[in-house]
């Protein structure tokens, strides 16, 4: 700093002397105020340093603010994304748990394997699509002349009824799937919940068609002409149904392929037991038949706990199979002896689970065990499996 000031002072002095020497008109040499020059130089340097300091401070502040803003925005984005992901996962898990908890298996479909039930859901949805397509085409034909006859309305109503009945059957199949195989909470179940929602909306649209057709039937029976608005509404509703049922059928087909692929992959990842365990089941007989429904359900809960622990390592030993066969025999015999509503389905599930474990079909056993657990009512005094809900291996 001092060196710079001295250089500035020397430069000013030299310039002043040179100008003085060149001034021929002056009789006396001009006296240079050295102190003033030094002060001026010091002031100029200080001003320059202050300006430079302000520039540096401004640049630093801008850089710091930019870095802070970037860090804050990144943190906020990360927090928001994490919160959204958490909320989505929570909503999905809640939907799956609710669907499984509220599912009631239909006896007609309770004995179906997972593969068979998936195929049946797919085929029945396609049948519902065919019926819906038929009545939308019949509607288009009927309104082409800007009117609808009683015969045309009756034909449309018939196929609407067929579609509704088929959709109701599909819903029963889906409920059975939830109860028996929906406890895993994987993508297959989430996809099916979405499809179920779409099919429910389709049923509501079919109900709208029924209301419109009833109005048409009443109007024609009274000898009145149909209002143009009624005809337009009928055509519009039918068109919306056709679009929706086509999309739902395509989505169901994709779901079925995904579900079957998931089952195949799960089977490929399992190694069947070296020992044939089926003979253990054949020789198992009940040794403890409960005297009440509560005791019978306690046995079922104990069976679920034991099976969950046995499946935890993705293998079933002969010793485990012997214990499971005995507990399963006692539970099924007790349920049969009590003869309460729903007991037959639980008996069938227990037998299927034991057969699947004996054959090494552990994935099916896991799914069936989840469904069996979902069938147990909320009973006080009965210890149900906690923190060990069967999951897809």
Protein backbone atom coordinates (compact mmCIF):
# COMPACT_ATOMS: atom_id res chain seq x y z
CA UNK A 1 0.00 0.00 0.00
CA UNK A 2 2.74 2.52 0.99
CA UNK A 3 4.76 1.71 -2.11
CA UNK A 4 1.75 2.47 -4.28
CA UNK A 5 1.20 5.83 -2.51
CA UNK A 6 4.90 6.79 -2.92
CA UNK A 7 4.77 5.98 -6.61
CA UNK A 8 1.69 8.17 -7.04
CA UNK A 9 3.37 11.05 -5.12
CA UNK A 10 6.60 10.80 -7.14
CA UNK A 11 4.57 10.82 -10.36
CA UNK A 12 2.70 13.97 -9.27
CA UNK A 13 5.93 15.75 -8.22
CA UNK A 14 7.67 14.87 -11.42
CA UNK A 15 4.75 16.15 -13.46
CA UNK A 16 4.59 19.39 -11.48
CA UNK A 17 8.33 20.06 -11.89
CA UNK A 18 8.15 19.39 -15.59
CA UNK A 19 5.28 21.81 -16.04
CA UNK A 20 7.09 24.40 -13.98
CA UNK A 21 10.23 24.10 -16.06
CA UNK A 22 8.31 24.49 -19.23
CA UNK A 23 6.60 27.71 -18.09
CA UNK A 24 8.91 30.33 -19.61
CA UNK A 25 6.62 33.24 -18.77
CA UNK A 26 6.90 32.78 -15.02
CA UNK A 27 9.70 34.64 -13.30
CA UNK A 28 9.65 32.53 -10.16
CA UNK A 29 9.39 28.76 -9.99
CA UNK A 30 6.04 27.42 -8.77
CA UNK A 31 6.17 25.88 -5.31
CA UNK A 32 4.76 22.39 -5.19
CA UNK A 33 2.63 21.56 -2.14
CA UNK A 34 4.01 18.09 -1.39
CA UNK A 35 1.77 17.49 1.62
CA UNK A 36 -1.36 18.34 -0.37
CA UNK A 37 -0.26 16.03 -3.17
CA UNK A 38 0.34 13.21 -0.74
CA UNK A 39 -3.03 13.78 0.92
CA UNK A 40 -4.73 13.84 -2.45
CA UNK A 41 -3.02 10.63 -3.46
CA UNK A 42 -3.97 8.96 -0.18
CA UNK A 43 -7.58 10.10 -0.60
CA UNK A 44 -7.70 8.86 -4.19
CA UNK A 45 -6.27 5.49 -3.16
CA UNK A 46 -8.73 5.19 -0.28
CA UNK A 47 -11.62 6.01 -2.60
CA UNK A 48 -10.42 3.42 -5.09
CA UNK A 49 -10.04 0.83 -2.37
CA UNK A 50 -13.52 1.64 -1.02
CA UNK A 51 -15.04 1.26 -4.48
CA UNK A 52 -13.16 -1.99 -4.99
CA UNK A 53 -14.27 -3.23 -1.57
CA UNK A 54 -17.88 -2.39 -2.35
CA UNK A 55 -17.66 -4.26 -5.63
CA UNK A 56 -16.13 -7.27 -3.89
CA UNK A 57 -18.74 -7.21 -1.12
CA UNK A 58 -21.55 -6.94 -3.66
CA UNK A 59 -20.16 -9.84 -5.67
CA UNK A 60 -19.72 -11.95 -2.53
CA UNK A 61 -23.25 -11.12 -1.33
CA UNK A 62 -24.70 -12.02 -4.72
CA UNK A 63 -22.77 -15.30 -4.80
CA UNK A 64 -23.79 -16.17 -1.23
CA UNK A 65 -27.44 -15.29 -1.87
CA UNK A 66 -27.47 -17.33 -5.06
CA UNK A 67 -25.91 -20.29 -3.27
CA UNK A 68 -28.35 -20.00 -0.36
CA UNK A 69 -31.34 -19.69 -2.69
CA UNK A 70 -30.17 -22.70 -4.68
CA UNK A 71 -29.65 -24.74 -1.52
CA UNK A 72 -33.02 -23.69 -0.11
CA UNK A 73 -34.84 -24.46 -3.36
CA UNK A 74 -33.13 -27.85 -3.60
CA UNK A 75 -34.01 -28.63 0.02
CA UNK A 76 -37.61 -27.51 -0.47
CA UNK A 77 -37.95 -29.54 -3.68
CA UNK A 78 -36.49 -32.57 -1.97
CA UNK A 79 -38.78 -32.16 1.02
CA UNK A 80 -41.83 -31.66 -1.20
CA UNK A 81 -40.99 -34.69 -3.34
CA UNK A 82 -40.40 -36.80 -0.26
CA UNK A 83 -43.67 -35.63 1.27
CA UNK A 84 -45.56 -36.34 -1.97
CA UNK A 85 -44.00 -39.80 -2.30
CA UNK A 86 -44.80 -40.55 1.32
CA UNK A 87 -48.39 -39.36 0.92
CA UNK A 88 -48.85 -41.41 -2.26
CA UNK A 89 -47.41 -44.55 -0.66
CA UNK A 90 -49.56 -44.06 2.41
CA UNK A 91 -52.67 -43.59 0.27
CA UNK A 92 -51.86 -46.67 -1.81
CA UNK A 93 -51.20 -48.82 1.26
CA UNK A 94 -54.38 -47.54 2.88
CA UNK A 95 -56.41 -48.38 -0.24
CA UNK A 96 -54.92 -51.87 -0.42
CA UNK A 97 -55.47 -52.54 3.29
CA UNK A 98 -59.04 -51.29 3.09
CA UNK A 99 -59.81 -53.38 0.01
CA UNK A 100 -58.39 -56.53 1.59
CA UNK A 101 -60.06 -55.90 4.97
CA UNK A 102 -63.49 -55.35 3.42
CA UNK A 103 -63.25 -58.19 0.91
CA UNK A 104 -65.69 -61.07 1.25
CA UNK A 105 -64.79 -64.18 -0.77
CA UNK A 106 -67.63 -65.75 -2.70
CA UNK A 107 -67.92 -69.52 -2.12
CA UNK A 108 -68.37 -69.98 -5.86
CA UNK A 109 -64.85 -68.69 -6.52
CA UNK A 110 -63.11 -69.50 -3.22
CA UNK A 111 -61.65 -72.77 -4.51
CA UNK A 112 -60.07 -71.18 -7.59
CA UNK A 113 -56.29 -70.91 -7.77
CA UNK A 114 -54.83 -67.44 -8.27
CA UNK A 115 -54.09 -68.17 -11.92
CA UNK A 116 -57.64 -69.42 -12.55
CA UNK A 117 -59.20 -66.44 -10.83
CA UNK A 118 -57.08 -63.98 -12.80
CA UNK A 119 -58.12 -65.61 -16.08
CA UNK A 120 -61.78 -65.61 -15.04
CA UNK A 121 -61.69 -61.90 -14.16
CA UNK A 122 -60.14 -61.10 -17.55
CA UNK A 123 -62.63 -63.20 -19.53
CA UNK A 124 -65.67 -61.90 -17.62
CA UNK A 125 -64.60 -58.31 -18.15
CA UNK A 126 -64.39 -58.99 -21.88
CA UNK A 127 -67.91 -60.43 -21.75
CA UNK A 128 -69.11 -57.26 -20.04
CA UNK A 129 -67.40 -55.25 -22.77
CA UNK A 130 -69.14 -57.29 -25.47
CA UNK A 131 -72.55 -56.72 -23.88
CA UNK A 132 -71.89 -52.99 -23.50
CA UNK A 133 -70.72 -52.75 -27.10
CA UNK A 134 -73.88 -54.51 -28.25
CA UNK A 135 -76.24 -52.12 -26.50
CA UNK A 136 -74.27 -49.05 -27.60
CA UNK A 137 -74.49 -50.26 -31.21
CA UNK A 138 -78.20 -50.97 -30.75
CA UNK A 139 -78.60 -47.45 -29.35
CA UNK A 140 -76.81 -45.90 -32.31
CA UNK A 141 -79.05 -47.81 -34.71
CA UNK A 142 -82.20 -46.91 -32.78
CA UNK A 143 -81.58 -43.15 -32.69
CA UNK A 144 -80.41 -42.94 -36.31
CA UNK A 145 -83.92 -41.92 -37.35
CA UNK A 146 -84.21 -39.46 -34.42
CA UNK A 147 -86.62 -41.66 -32.50
CA UNK A 148 -86.71 -44.88 -30.47
CA UNK A 149 -89.42 -47.54 -30.65
CA UNK A 150 -90.57 -49.68 -27.75
CA UNK A 151 -88.97 -52.76 -29.33
CA UNK A 152 -85.65 -50.97 -29.75
CA UNK A 153 -85.74 -49.76 -26.15
CA UNK A 154 -86.46 -53.32 -24.95
CA UNK A 155 -83.48 -54.70 -26.89
CA UNK A 156 -81.17 -52.06 -25.47
CA UNK A 157 -82.46 -52.70 -21.94
CA UNK A 158 -81.79 -56.43 -22.29
CA UNK A 159 -78.09 -55.97 -23.10
CA UNK A 160 -77.72 -53.31 -20.40
CA UNK A 161 -79.00 -55.87 -17.90
CA UNK A 162 -76.57 -58.49 -19.20
CA UNK A 163 -73.71 -56.02 -18.86
CA UNK A 164 -74.72 -55.09 -15.29
CA UNK A 165 -75.01 -58.72 -14.22
CA UNK A 166 -71.60 -59.53 -15.70
CA UNK A 167 -70.00 -56.55 -14.00
CA UNK A 168 -71.52 -57.67 -10.69
CA UNK A 169 -69.96 -61.11 -11.19
CA UNK A 170 -66.59 -59.53 -11.95
CA UNK A 171 -66.84 -57.55 -8.72
CA UNK A 172 -67.48 -60.76 -6.77
CA UNK A 173 -64.40 -62.31 -8.38
CA UNK A 174 -62.31 -59.26 -7.51
CA UNK A 175 -63.50 -59.35 -3.90
CA UNK A 176 -62.56 -63.02 -3.73
CA UNK A 177 -59.13 -62.24 -5.19
CA UNK A 178 -58.57 -59.57 -2.53
CA UNK A 179 -59.57 -61.95 0.26
CA UNK A 180 -57.46 -64.88 -0.92
CA UNK A 181 -54.49 -63.31 -2.69
CA UNK A 182 -54.58 -59.57 -2.00
CA UNK A 183 -52.63 -59.42 1.27
CA UNK A 184 -49.29 -58.75 -0.39
CA UNK A 185 -50.02 -55.11 -1.29
CA UNK A 186 -47.93 -55.31 -4.47
CA UNK A 187 -48.41 -53.61 -7.84
CA UNK A 188 -50.79 -56.33 -9.02
CA UNK A 189 -53.27 -55.50 -6.25
CA UNK A 190 -52.90 -51.74 -6.75
CA UNK A 191 -53.65 -52.12 -10.47
CA UNK A 192 -56.72 -54.22 -9.71
CA UNK A 193 -58.06 -51.58 -7.31
CA UNK A 194 -57.90 -49.03 -10.14
CA UNK A 195 -59.72 -51.39 -12.49
CA UNK A 196 -62.36 -52.10 -9.84
CA UNK A 197 -63.01 -48.37 -9.53
CA UNK A 198 -63.46 -48.06 -13.30
CA UNK A 199 -65.86 -51.00 -13.42
CA UNK A 200 -67.87 -49.48 -10.57
CA UNK A 201 -68.26 -46.26 -12.56
CA UNK A 202 -69.37 -48.30 -15.56
CA UNK A 203 -72.07 -49.90 -13.47
CA UNK A 204 -73.26 -46.46 -12.47
CA UNK A 205 -73.42 -45.47 -16.15
CA UNK A 206 -75.43 -48.61 -16.86
CA UNK A 207 -77.81 -47.56 -14.09
CA UNK A 208 -78.21 -44.21 -15.86
CA UNK A 209 -79.08 -46.08 -19.05
CA UNK A 210 -81.76 -48.03 -17.19
CA UNK A 211 -83.30 -44.81 -15.85
CA UNK A 212 -83.38 -43.25 -19.33
CA UNK A 213 -84.86 -46.42 -20.87
CA UNK A 214 -87.54 -46.55 -18.19
CA UNK A 215 -88.48 -42.95 -18.99
CA UNK A 216 -88.64 -43.83 -22.68
CA UNK A 217 -90.80 -46.86 -21.96
CA UNK A 218 -93.21 -44.79 -19.84
CA UNK A 219 -93.40 -42.03 -22.44
CA UNK A 220 -94.11 -44.44 -25.30
CA UNK A 221 -96.65 -46.40 -23.23
CA UNK A 222 -98.58 -43.18 -22.65
CA UNK A 223 -98.64 -42.44 -26.38
CA UNK A 224 -96.29 -39.45 -26.27
CA UNK A 225 -93.44 -38.64 -28.61
CA UNK A 226 -89.94 -38.75 -27.21
CA UNK A 227 -88.22 -35.46 -26.51
CA UNK A 228 -85.14 -34.77 -28.57
CA UNK A 229 -83.24 -34.19 -25.34
CA UNK A 230 -84.05 -37.71 -24.12
CA UNK A 231 -82.81 -39.29 -27.33
CA UNK A 232 -79.61 -37.24 -27.21
CA UNK A 233 -79.02 -38.19 -23.59
CA UNK A 234 -79.49 -41.89 -24.38
CA UNK A 235 -77.04 -41.77 -27.26
CA UNK A 236 -74.49 -39.75 -25.30
CA UNK A 237 -74.59 -42.06 -22.25
CA UNK A 238 -74.23 -45.15 -24.44
CA UNK A 239 -71.22 -43.62 -26.20
CA UNK A 240 -69.53 -42.80 -22.90
CA UNK A 241 -70.11 -46.33 -21.67
CA UNK A 242 -68.57 -47.84 -24.79
CA UNK A 243 -65.43 -45.72 -24.47
CA UNK A 244 -65.07 -46.49 -20.77
CA UNK A 245 -65.68 -50.26 -21.01
CA UNK A 246 -63.16 -50.57 -23.86
CA UNK A 247 -60.49 -48.83 -21.79
CA UNK A 248 -61.33 -50.94 -18.73
CA UNK A 249 -61.18 -54.18 -20.73
CA UNK A 250 -57.78 -53.26 -22.19
CA UNK A 251 -56.47 -52.37 -18.74
CA UNK A 252 -57.81 -55.63 -17.30
CA UNK A 253 -56.08 -57.58 -20.05
CA UNK A 254 -52.78 -55.83 -19.26
CA UNK A 255 -53.31 -56.47 -15.54
CA UNK A 256 -53.95 -60.17 -16.13
CA UNK A 257 -50.74 -60.48 -18.14
CA UNK A 258 -48.79 -58.68 -15.42
CA UNK A 259 -50.33 -60.81 -12.67
CA UNK A 260 -49.61 -64.07 -14.49
CA UNK A 261 -46.06 -62.92 -15.18
CA UNK A 262 -45.62 -62.12 -11.49
CA UNK A 263 -46.80 -65.58 -10.48
CA UNK A 264 -44.54 -67.27 -13.04
CA UNK A 265 -41.54 -65.26 -11.86
CA UNK A 266 -42.30 -66.12 -8.25
CA UNK A 267 -42.51 -69.82 -9.09
CA UNK A 268 -39.18 -69.67 -10.90
CA UNK A 269 -37.51 -68.14 -7.86
CA UNK A 270 -38.60 -70.93 -5.54
CA UNK A 271 -36.86 -74.26 -5.14
CA UNK A 272 -39.31 -77.10 -4.43
CA UNK A 273 -38.52 -79.13 -1.33
CA UNK A 274 -36.49 -82.26 -1.93
CA UNK A 275 -38.77 -84.30 0.32
CA UNK A 276 -42.31 -85.08 -0.76
CA UNK A 277 -44.38 -83.50 2.00
CA UNK A 278 -47.78 -84.44 0.59
CA UNK A 279 -47.74 -87.78 2.35
CA UNK A 280 -47.50 -85.93 5.68
CA UNK A 281 -50.84 -84.27 4.99
CA UNK A 282 -52.43 -87.55 3.99
CA UNK A 283 -51.53 -89.14 7.31
CA UNK A 284 -52.53 -86.19 9.48
CA UNK A 285 -55.60 -86.54 11.68
CA UNK A 286 -57.14 -84.05 14.14
CA UNK A 287 -56.17 -84.48 17.78
CA UNK A 288 -57.86 -81.46 19.36
CA UNK A 289 -61.36 -80.41 18.25
CA UNK A 290 -62.55 -77.13 19.79
CA UNK A 291 -65.76 -76.91 21.80
CA UNK A 292 -66.64 -73.37 20.67
CA UNK A 293 -66.28 -71.05 17.71
CA UNK A 294 -63.93 -68.83 19.71
CA UNK A 295 -61.60 -71.75 20.40
CA UNK A 296 -61.76 -72.78 16.75
CA UNK A 297 -60.74 -69.28 15.62
CA UNK A 298 -57.94 -69.29 18.19
CA UNK A 299 -56.63 -72.45 16.51
CA UNK A 300 -56.83 -70.70 13.13
CA UNK A 301 -54.85 -67.76 14.54
CA UNK A 302 -52.22 -70.17 15.88
CA UNK A 303 -52.01 -71.85 12.49
CA UNK A 304 -51.48 -68.47 10.81
CA UNK A 305 -48.67 -67.60 13.25
CA UNK A 306 -46.92 -70.92 12.73
CA UNK A 307 -47.27 -70.80 8.93
CA UNK A 308 -45.97 -67.20 8.85
CA UNK A 309 -42.86 -68.21 10.76
CA UNK A 310 -42.35 -71.28 8.59
CA UNK A 311 -42.58 -69.26 5.37
CA UNK A 312 -40.21 -66.55 6.60
CA UNK A 313 -37.15 -68.34 5.13
CA UNK A 314 -38.91 -69.32 1.88
CA UNK A 315 -38.73 -73.02 2.64
CA UNK A 316 -40.74 -75.68 4.46
CA UNK A 317 -38.98 -78.48 6.31
CA UNK A 318 -40.59 -81.85 7.01
CA UNK A 319 -40.68 -80.98 10.72
CA UNK A 320 -42.52 -77.73 9.98
CA UNK A 321 -44.92 -79.55 7.66
CA UNK A 322 -45.77 -82.09 10.35
CA UNK A 323 -46.65 -79.33 12.82
CA UNK A 324 -48.61 -77.37 10.21
CA UNK A 325 -50.50 -80.46 9.11
CA UNK A 326 -51.50 -81.19 12.72
CA UNK A 327 -52.54 -77.62 13.45
CA UNK A 328 -54.37 -77.41 10.15
CA UNK A 329 -56.26 -80.63 10.83
CA UNK A 330 -57.30 -79.44 14.27
CA UNK A 331 -58.41 -76.02 12.98
CA UNK A 332 -60.41 -77.42 10.05
CA UNK A 333 -62.04 -80.10 12.18
CA UNK A 334 -62.98 -77.50 14.79
CA UNK A 335 -64.42 -75.11 12.21
CA UNK A 336 -66.41 -77.92 10.61
CA UNK A 337 -67.74 -79.04 14.00
CA UNK A 338 -68.96 -75.53 14.84
CA UNK A 339 -70.49 -75.02 11.38
CA UNK A 340 -70.63 -71.22 11.54
CA UNK A 341 -71.08 -68.97 8.52
CA UNK A 342 -67.81 -68.62 6.62
CA UNK A 343 -66.23 -71.68 8.23
CA UNK A 344 -66.32 -73.69 5.00
CA UNK A 345 -64.27 -71.06 3.18
CA UNK A 346 -61.65 -70.98 5.94
CA UNK A 347 -61.45 -74.78 5.92
CA UNK A 348 -60.90 -74.73 2.16
CA UNK A 349 -58.23 -72.04 2.50
CA UNK A 350 -56.31 -73.93 5.20
CA UNK A 351 -56.33 -77.12 3.13
CA UNK A 352 -55.17 -75.23 0.03
CA UNK A 353 -52.37 -73.50 1.93
CA UNK A 354 -51.09 -76.79 3.35
CA UNK A 355 -51.22 -78.41 -0.10
CA UNK A 356 -49.31 -75.50 -1.64
CA UNK A 357 -46.62 -75.63 1.04
CA UNK A 358 -46.30 -79.39 0.61
CA UNK A 359 -45.82 -78.95 -3.17
CA UNK A 360 -43.35 -76.09 -2.76
CA UNK A 361 -45.77 -73.51 -4.18
CA UNK A 362 -44.79 -71.07 -1.45
CA UNK A 363 -45.97 -67.97 -3.30
CA UNK A 364 -49.50 -69.29 -3.44
CA UNK A 365 -49.27 -70.27 0.22
CA UNK A 366 -48.18 -66.75 1.17
CA UNK A 367 -51.09 -65.22 -0.73
CA UNK A 368 -53.57 -67.71 0.67
CA UNK A 369 -52.30 -67.12 4.20
CA UNK A 370 -52.86 -63.38 3.81
CA UNK A 371 -56.40 -64.02 2.66
CA UNK A 372 -57.04 -66.39 5.58
CA UNK A 373 -55.77 -63.81 8.04
CA UNK A 374 -58.12 -61.24 6.51
CA UNK A 375 -61.07 -63.56 7.13
CA UNK A 376 -60.56 -63.65 10.87
CA UNK A 377 -62.94 -61.29 12.70
CA UNK A 378 -61.72 -58.76 15.25
CA UNK A 379 -61.96 -60.91 18.37
CA UNK A 380 -61.06 -59.81 21.88
CA UNK A 381 -59.00 -62.33 23.79
CA UNK A 382 -57.52 -63.91 20.67
CA UNK A 383 -53.90 -63.19 19.85
CA UNK A 384 -53.59 -62.60 16.12
CA UNK A 385 -50.29 -62.35 14.23
CA UNK A 386 -48.77 -58.93 14.82
CA UNK A 387 -45.91 -57.36 12.92
CA UNK A 388 -45.51 -60.50 10.85
CA UNK A 389 -48.14 -60.16 8.14
CA UNK A 390 -47.26 -62.58 5.37
CA UNK A 391 -45.68 -60.84 2.39
CA UNK A 392 -44.76 -61.95 -1.10
CA UNK A 393 -41.24 -63.50 -0.79
